Amino acid sequence: MFIIDLNYIVPLEEIDKYMDPHVQYLEKYYDKGIFVVWGRKQPRTGGIILALAATKDDVEKIITEDPFHIHGLAEITITESLVSKHRPDLEGLLG
């Protein structure tokens, strides 16, 4: 599993201009089973995406399609996590 951490580096007015294409990007990878959870940080300084992918390289490639990345709106870090324990109802999701 990968944690994708977005930190906005431009004013929220600029972020909002690209929010619809960003959500379309998120939905694209949700439909492919790669993005499983996402949401805004509170306070609204960025967002978090949980992703299931084979490798960090795969996630890095996917990130290049994010409008927030393309337009230089956010710093993005990727952290890999090896899941040790999870709720039983997530078995099919996390394997």
C-alpha atoms as a PDB file:
ATOM      1  CA  MET A   1       0.000   0.000   0.000  1.00  0.00           C
ATOM      2  CA  PHE A   2       1.148   3.540  -0.699  1.00  0.00           C
ATOM      3  CA  ILE A   3       0.285   6.774   1.054  1.00  0.00           C
ATOM      4  CA  ILE A   4       0.339   9.721  -1.330  1.00  0.00           C
ATOM      5  CA  ASP A   5       0.639  12.995   0.571  1.00  0.00           C
ATOM      6  CA  LEU A   6      -0.188  16.218  -1.268  1.00  0.00           C
ATOM      7  CA  ASN A   7       0.818  19.579   0.216  1.00  0.00           C
ATOM      8  CA  TYR A   8      -0.526  22.630  -1.605  1.00  0.00           C
ATOM      9  CA  ILE A   9       2.107  25.192  -2.548  1.00  0.00           C
ATOM     10  CA  VAL A  10      -0.234  27.727  -4.173  1.00  0.00           C
ATOM     11  CA  PRO A  11      -3.297  29.613  -2.869  1.00  0.00           C
ATOM     12  CA  LEU A  12      -6.557  27.652  -2.606  1.00  0.00           C
ATOM     13  CA  GLU A  13      -8.073  29.779  -5.397  1.00  0.00           C
ATOM     14  CA  GLU A  14      -5.537  28.205  -7.762  1.00  0.00           C
ATOM     15  CA  ILE A  15      -6.224  24.707  -6.372  1.00  0.00           C
ATOM     16  CA  ASP A  16      -9.964  25.162  -6.905  1.00  0.00           C
ATOM     17  CA  LYS A  17      -9.434  25.946 -10.608  1.00  0.00           C
ATOM     18  CA  TYR A  18      -8.091  22.412 -11.088  1.00  0.00           C
ATOM     19  CA  MET A  19     -10.270  20.530  -8.567  1.00  0.00           C
ATOM     20  CA  ASP A  20     -12.683  19.055 -11.152  1.00  0.00           C
ATOM     21  CA  PRO A  21      -9.904  17.596 -13.346  1.00  0.00           C
ATOM     22  CA  HIS A  22      -8.132  16.368 -10.189  1.00  0.00           C
ATOM     23  CA  VAL A  23     -11.284  14.531  -9.050  1.00  0.00           C
ATOM     24  CA  GLN A  24     -11.664  13.015 -12.540  1.00  0.00           C
ATOM     25  CA  TYR A  25      -8.079  11.765 -12.231  1.00  0.00           C
ATOM     26  CA  LEU A  26      -8.855  10.290  -8.786  1.00  0.00           C
ATOM     27  CA  GLU A  27     -11.991   8.574 -10.118  1.00  0.00           C
ATOM     28  CA  LYS A  28     -10.051   7.102 -13.055  1.00  0.00           C
ATOM     29  CA  TYR A  29      -7.675   5.297 -10.708  1.00  0.00           C
ATOM     30  CA  TYR A  30     -10.456   4.415  -8.260  1.00  0.00           C
ATOM     31  CA  ASP A  31     -12.248   2.647 -11.131  1.00  0.00           C
ATOM     32  CA  LYS A  32      -9.003   0.752 -11.870  1.00  0.00           C
ATOM     33  CA  GLY A  33      -8.827  -0.410  -8.229  1.00  0.00           C
ATOM     34  CA  ILE A  34      -5.624   1.511  -7.495  1.00  0.00           C
ATOM     35  CA  PHE A  35      -6.883   4.463  -5.428  1.00  0.00           C
ATOM     36  CA  VAL A  36      -8.966   3.150  -2.551  1.00  0.00           C
ATOM     37  CA  VAL A  37      -9.315   6.179  -0.243  1.00  0.00           C
ATOM     38  CA  TRP A  38      -8.734   9.902  -0.612  1.00  0.00           C
ATOM     39  CA  GLY A  39      -9.657  13.134   1.077  1.00  0.00           C
ATOM     40  CA  ARG A  40      -8.681  16.648   2.052  1.00  0.00           C
ATOM     41  CA  LYS A  41      -6.492  17.427   5.017  1.00  0.00           C
ATOM     42  CA  GLN A  42      -8.008  19.452   7.827  1.00  0.00           C
ATOM     43  CA  PRO A  43      -7.084  22.289   7.791  1.00  0.00           C
ATOM     44  CA  ARG A  44      -7.176  22.374   3.995  1.00  0.00           C
ATOM     45  CA  THR A  45      -3.457  22.317   3.236  1.00  0.00           C
ATOM     46  CA  GLY A  46      -3.482  19.335   0.889  1.00  0.00           C
ATOM     47  CA  GLY A  47      -4.809  15.810   0.653  1.00  0.00           C
ATOM     48  CA  ILE A  48      -4.084  12.138   1.237  1.00  0.00           C
ATOM     49  CA  ILE A  49      -4.591   9.242  -1.187  1.00  0.00           C
ATOM     50  CA  LEU A  50      -4.227   5.561  -0.270  1.00  0.00           C
ATOM     51  CA  ALA A  51      -3.185   3.502  -3.263  1.00  0.00           C
ATOM     52  CA  LEU A  52      -2.685  -0.169  -4.019  1.00  0.00           C
ATOM     53  CA  ALA A  53      -0.058  -0.726  -6.680  1.00  0.00           C
ATOM     54  CA  ALA A  54       2.688  -3.233  -7.421  1.00  0.00           C
ATOM     55  CA  THR A  55       5.607  -0.813  -7.076  1.00  0.00           C
ATOM     56  CA  LYS A  56       6.481   2.726  -6.071  1.00  0.00           C
ATOM     57  CA  ASP A  57       7.553   3.304  -9.680  1.00  0.00           C
ATOM     58  CA  ASP A  58       3.974   2.523 -10.745  1.00  0.00           C
ATOM     59  CA  VAL A  59       2.634   5.121  -8.308  1.00  0.00           C
ATOM     60  CA  GLU A  60       5.191   7.704  -9.428  1.00  0.00           C
ATOM     61  CA  LYS A  61       4.070   7.205 -13.039  1.00  0.00           C
ATOM     62  CA  ILE A  62       0.401   7.587 -12.080  1.00  0.00           C
ATOM     63  CA  ILE A  63       1.165  10.799 -10.171  1.00  0.00           C
ATOM     64  CA  THR A  64       2.493  12.405 -13.363  1.00  0.00           C
ATOM     65  CA  GLU A  65      -1.119  12.467 -14.639  1.00  0.00           C
ATOM     66  CA  ASP A  66      -2.453  14.446 -11.652  1.00  0.00           C
ATOM     67  CA  PRO A  67      -3.370  18.009 -12.678  1.00  0.00           C
ATOM     68  CA  PHE A  68      -1.993  19.190  -9.319  1.00  0.00           C
ATOM     69  CA  HIS A  69       1.381  17.719 -10.345  1.00  0.00           C
ATOM     70  CA  ILE A  70       1.195  18.841 -13.979  1.00  0.00           C
ATOM     71  CA  HIS A  71       0.537  22.468 -12.999  1.00  0.00           C
ATOM     72  CA  GLY A  72       2.944  22.544 -10.039  1.00  0.00           C
ATOM     73  CA  LEU A  73       0.210  23.120  -7.448  1.00  0.00           C
ATOM     74  CA  ALA A  74       1.338  20.640  -4.808  1.00  0.00           C
ATOM     75  CA  GLU A  75       4.390  18.910  -3.449  1.00  0.00           C
ATOM     76  CA  ILE A  76       3.716  15.193  -3.513  1.00  0.00           C
ATOM     77  CA  THR A  77       5.419  12.514  -1.448  1.00  0.00           C
ATOM     78  CA  ILE A  78       4.864   8.775  -1.641  1.00  0.00           C
ATOM     79  CA  THR A  79       5.352   6.466   1.324  1.00  0.00           C
ATOM     80  CA  GLU A  80       5.205   2.686   0.985  1.00  0.00           C
ATOM     81  CA  SER A  81       3.619   0.762   3.839  1.00  0.00           C
ATOM     82  CA  LEU A  82       3.709  -3.001   4.319  1.00  0.00           C
ATOM     83  CA  VAL A  83       0.374  -3.844   5.899  1.00  0.00           C
ATOM     84  CA  SER A  84       0.846  -6.013   8.993  1.00  0.00           C
ATOM     85  CA  LYS A  85      -2.739  -6.124  10.194  1.00  0.00           C
ATOM     86  CA  HIS A  86      -6.073  -4.933   8.888  1.00  0.00           C
ATOM     87  CA  ARG A  87      -9.748  -5.301   9.591  1.00  0.00           C
ATOM     88  CA  PRO A  88     -11.124  -8.611   8.309  1.00  0.00           C
ATOM     89  CA  ASP A  89     -13.646  -6.789   6.098  1.00  0.00           C
ATOM     90  CA  LEU A  90     -10.722  -5.334   4.138  1.00  0.00           C
ATOM     91  CA  GLU A  91      -9.311  -8.759   3.264  1.00  0.00           C
ATOM     92  CA  GLY A  92     -10.261  -8.606  -0.396  1.00  0.00           C
ATOM     93  CA  LEU A  93      -8.962  -5.066  -0.685  1.00  0.00           C
ATOM     94  CA  LEU A  94      -5.592  -5.450   0.999  1.00  0.00           C
ATOM     95  CA  GLY A  95      -4.982  -9.128   0.337  1.00  0.00           C
END
